Amino acid sequence: MDDEATFRARLDERGVLREPSLAFLGGASLLVFAQQRDARVDAAGLAGYARRFFDAGVGLTVDKAYGAGAPAIDAARFVVAPRGEAPGVRVAGVRPADGADRAAAGAADLAGSGLALLARRCAYVYVVEAEPGDDRLALTLAAVIAGVALGPILSADRRAIFGVKTARAALEAPRPS
């Protein structure tokens, strides 16, 4: 994950990615399907949803000022602060969903839950960087995005597709000692 200064250098004066690429995102990532028309990050909507349904704070390290133009691809560094846990920063990029994303969703929906069908209706995906292992901050951010964007979450290993309810249950489950 980029440090703050490196990430800021990737943004223009509006806080939008200069280069239309998420190639800088590396490692494991959760994929959140989003029913939205462009790559705008709804910071206020995400913050409100996080407070209301997850008792968590979610905010951007750099404000966005999209104006009339909407980017096809964007990214943000999010501060994620669940109540009772240490806060941290996670990066999420937004880009158009592609055939590989939809195929991965279909392959993960072995139980036929219908979430792969929902993923097919989503024009965009958020790529949420996750640290190896049990990254509760990334899962919190992904669940908040999924709640606002009305789409399912695809696990970092691409073996499971699930919704906000399952993510919330995982976050509320007792942690192994």
Protein backbone atom coordinates (compact mmCIF):
# COMPACT_ATOMS: atom_id res chain seq x y z
CA MET A 1 0.00 0.00 0.00
CA ASP A 2 1.26 3.46 -0.88
CA ASP A 3 2.11 5.82 1.94
CA GLU A 4 0.07 9.03 2.16
CA ALA A 5 2.55 11.21 0.25
CA THR A 6 2.92 8.71 -2.60
CA PHE A 7 -0.84 8.30 -2.84
CA ARG A 8 -1.46 12.06 -2.85
CA ALA A 9 1.02 12.42 -5.73
CA ARG A 10 -1.26 10.16 -7.79
CA LEU A 11 -4.17 12.65 -7.42
CA ASP A 12 -4.98 15.87 -9.20
CA GLU A 13 -6.15 19.10 -7.53
CA ARG A 14 -9.69 17.68 -7.25
CA GLY A 15 -8.49 14.59 -5.37
CA VAL A 16 -9.10 12.35 -8.41
CA LEU A 17 -6.59 9.87 -9.87
CA ARG A 18 -4.42 11.46 -12.56
CA GLU A 19 -3.81 8.17 -14.40
CA PRO A 20 -6.86 5.99 -15.18
CA SER A 21 -5.27 2.85 -13.76
CA LEU A 22 -5.41 0.89 -10.51
CA ALA A 23 -2.18 -0.98 -11.29
CA PHE A 24 -0.61 0.47 -8.12
CA LEU A 25 -2.99 -1.62 -5.99
CA GLY A 26 -1.10 -4.75 -5.08
CA GLY A 27 -1.56 -7.90 -3.09
CA ALA A 28 -4.79 -9.35 -1.83
CA SER A 29 -8.01 -7.44 -2.29
CA LEU A 30 -11.70 -7.81 -1.64
CA LEU A 31 -13.89 -7.02 -4.63
CA VAL A 32 -17.14 -5.17 -3.94
CA PHE A 33 -19.65 -4.98 -6.79
CA ALA A 34 -21.38 -1.61 -7.04
CA GLN A 35 -24.61 -0.49 -8.67
CA GLN A 36 -23.39 2.95 -9.68
CA ARG A 37 -22.90 4.75 -12.98
CA ASP A 38 -19.37 6.04 -12.51
CA ALA A 39 -16.38 5.86 -10.18
CA ARG A 40 -17.36 8.67 -7.83
CA VAL A 41 -16.73 7.82 -4.19
CA ASP A 42 -19.73 8.84 -2.06
CA ALA A 43 -17.76 9.81 1.05
CA ALA A 44 -20.76 11.25 2.90
CA GLY A 45 -22.94 8.23 2.14
CA LEU A 46 -20.22 5.81 3.25
CA ALA A 47 -19.57 7.75 6.47
CA GLY A 48 -23.26 7.84 7.35
CA TYR A 49 -23.77 4.14 6.64
CA ALA A 50 -20.69 3.20 8.66
CA ARG A 51 -21.92 5.18 11.67
CA ARG A 52 -25.49 3.95 11.47
CA PHE A 53 -25.00 0.25 10.76
CA PHE A 54 -21.45 -0.56 11.91
CA ASP A 55 -20.81 1.91 14.73
CA ALA A 56 -17.64 2.82 12.88
CA GLY A 57 -16.05 5.89 11.41
CA VAL A 58 -15.12 5.90 7.73
CA GLY A 59 -13.58 8.92 6.05
CA LEU A 60 -11.19 9.92 3.28
CA THR A 61 -7.64 11.14 3.80
CA VAL A 62 -8.08 13.42 0.75
CA ASP A 63 -11.40 15.08 -0.08
CA LYS A 64 -12.94 14.58 -3.52
CA ALA A 65 -14.31 17.47 -5.62
CA TYR A 66 -15.70 15.83 -8.72
CA GLY A 67 -17.70 18.73 -10.11
CA ALA A 68 -19.68 18.01 -13.28
CA GLY A 69 -17.26 15.42 -14.65
CA ALA A 70 -17.27 11.86 -13.39
CA PRO A 71 -14.15 9.71 -13.62
CA ALA A 72 -14.27 6.20 -15.06
CA ILE A 73 -11.67 5.10 -12.50
CA ASP A 74 -10.76 6.57 -9.11
CA ALA A 75 -9.24 5.58 -5.77
CA ALA A 76 -9.22 6.79 -2.19
CA ARG A 77 -7.39 6.17 1.06
CA PHE A 78 -9.98 5.52 3.74
CA VAL A 79 -9.54 5.90 7.47
CA VAL A 80 -11.54 3.05 9.03
CA ALA A 81 -12.27 3.32 12.76
CA PRO A 82 -14.49 0.59 14.21
CA ARG A 83 -15.60 1.23 17.78
CA GLY A 84 -13.37 -0.56 20.26
CA GLU A 85 -10.65 -1.35 17.70
CA ALA A 86 -7.56 0.47 16.52
CA PRO A 87 -8.23 2.60 13.45
CA GLY A 88 -6.26 2.17 10.26
CA VAL A 89 -6.04 3.18 6.63
CA ARG A 90 -7.09 1.07 3.67
CA VAL A 91 -7.00 1.94 -0.04
CA ALA A 92 -9.88 1.19 -2.37
CA GLY A 93 -10.01 1.79 -6.08
CA VAL A 94 -13.15 1.99 -8.21
CA ARG A 95 -13.27 0.81 -11.81
CA PRO A 96 -15.74 -0.60 -14.32
CA ALA A 97 -16.58 -4.25 -13.67
CA ASP A 98 -15.37 -6.61 -16.36
CA GLY A 99 -16.04 -10.13 -17.57
CA ALA A 100 -13.34 -11.61 -15.34
CA ASP A 101 -14.95 -10.04 -12.26
CA ARG A 102 -18.35 -11.46 -13.19
CA ALA A 103 -16.88 -14.88 -13.98
CA ALA A 104 -15.14 -14.94 -10.58
CA ALA A 105 -18.43 -14.06 -8.90
CA GLY A 106 -20.18 -16.87 -10.76
CA ALA A 107 -17.50 -19.39 -9.83
CA ALA A 108 -17.71 -18.36 -6.16
CA ASP A 109 -21.50 -18.68 -6.00
CA LEU A 110 -21.50 -22.47 -5.82
CA ALA A 111 -24.57 -22.51 -3.58
CA GLY A 112 -26.59 -20.58 -6.14
CA SER A 113 -27.43 -17.79 -3.69
CA GLY A 114 -28.18 -15.34 -6.48
CA LEU A 115 -25.33 -13.03 -5.51
CA ALA A 116 -23.54 -13.75 -8.80
CA LEU A 117 -26.69 -12.60 -10.60
CA LEU A 118 -26.63 -9.41 -8.53
CA ALA A 119 -22.93 -8.94 -9.41
CA ARG A 120 -23.82 -9.13 -13.11
CA ARG A 121 -26.07 -6.08 -12.70
CA CYS A 122 -23.27 -4.01 -11.15
CA ALA A 123 -21.44 -1.73 -13.56
CA TYR A 124 -18.55 -0.95 -11.19
CA VAL A 125 -16.36 -2.68 -8.62
CA TYR A 126 -14.38 -1.40 -5.67
CA VAL A 127 -11.02 -3.09 -5.21
CA VAL A 128 -10.35 -2.94 -1.45
CA GLU A 129 -6.74 -3.66 -0.50
CA ALA A 130 -6.51 -6.17 2.33
CA GLU A 131 -3.61 -7.20 4.51
CA PRO A 132 -2.85 -10.92 4.70
CA GLY A 133 -4.96 -12.91 7.17
CA ASP A 134 -7.97 -11.57 9.04
CA ASP A 135 -8.09 -7.92 7.93
CA ARG A 136 -11.09 -6.62 9.85
CA LEU A 137 -10.55 -3.05 8.66
CA ALA A 138 -10.71 -4.09 5.00
CA LEU A 139 -13.78 -6.24 5.69
CA THR A 140 -15.46 -3.35 7.52
CA LEU A 141 -14.76 -1.01 4.62
CA ALA A 142 -15.95 -3.58 2.07
CA ALA A 143 -19.17 -4.18 4.03
CA VAL A 144 -19.87 -0.44 4.26
CA ILE A 145 -19.25 0.00 0.53
CA ALA A 146 -21.47 -3.01 -0.25
CA GLY A 147 -24.26 -1.56 1.89
CA VAL A 148 -24.18 1.77 0.08
CA ALA A 149 -23.46 0.42 -3.42
CA LEU A 150 -25.99 -2.44 -3.14
CA GLY A 151 -23.64 -5.16 -4.33
CA PRO A 152 -22.02 -8.36 -3.06
CA ILE A 153 -18.47 -8.85 -1.80
CA LEU A 154 -16.04 -11.32 -3.37
CA SER A 155 -13.41 -12.68 -0.96
CA ALA A 156 -9.72 -11.99 -1.50
CA ASP A 157 -9.12 -15.62 -2.46
CA ARG A 158 -12.12 -15.39 -4.86
CA ARG A 159 -13.67 -18.53 -3.35
CA ALA A 160 -16.63 -16.92 -1.58
CA ILE A 161 -19.23 -14.33 -2.47
CA PHE A 162 -21.33 -12.83 0.30
CA GLY A 163 -23.41 -9.88 1.32
CA VAL A 164 -23.38 -7.28 4.06
CA LYS A 165 -25.18 -9.56 6.53
CA THR A 166 -22.49 -12.25 6.29
CA ALA A 167 -19.70 -9.66 6.52
CA ARG A 168 -21.32 -8.15 9.61
CA ALA A 169 -21.66 -11.59 11.23
CA ALA A 170 -17.96 -12.25 10.60
CA LEU A 171 -17.04 -8.90 12.16
CA GLU A 172 -19.24 -9.57 15.22
CA ALA A 173 -18.00 -13.13 15.75
CA PRO A 174 -15.64 -13.64 18.68
CA ARG A 175 -12.03 -13.43 17.61
CA PRO A 176 -9.78 -16.41 18.30
CA SER A 177 -7.30 -15.73 21.10
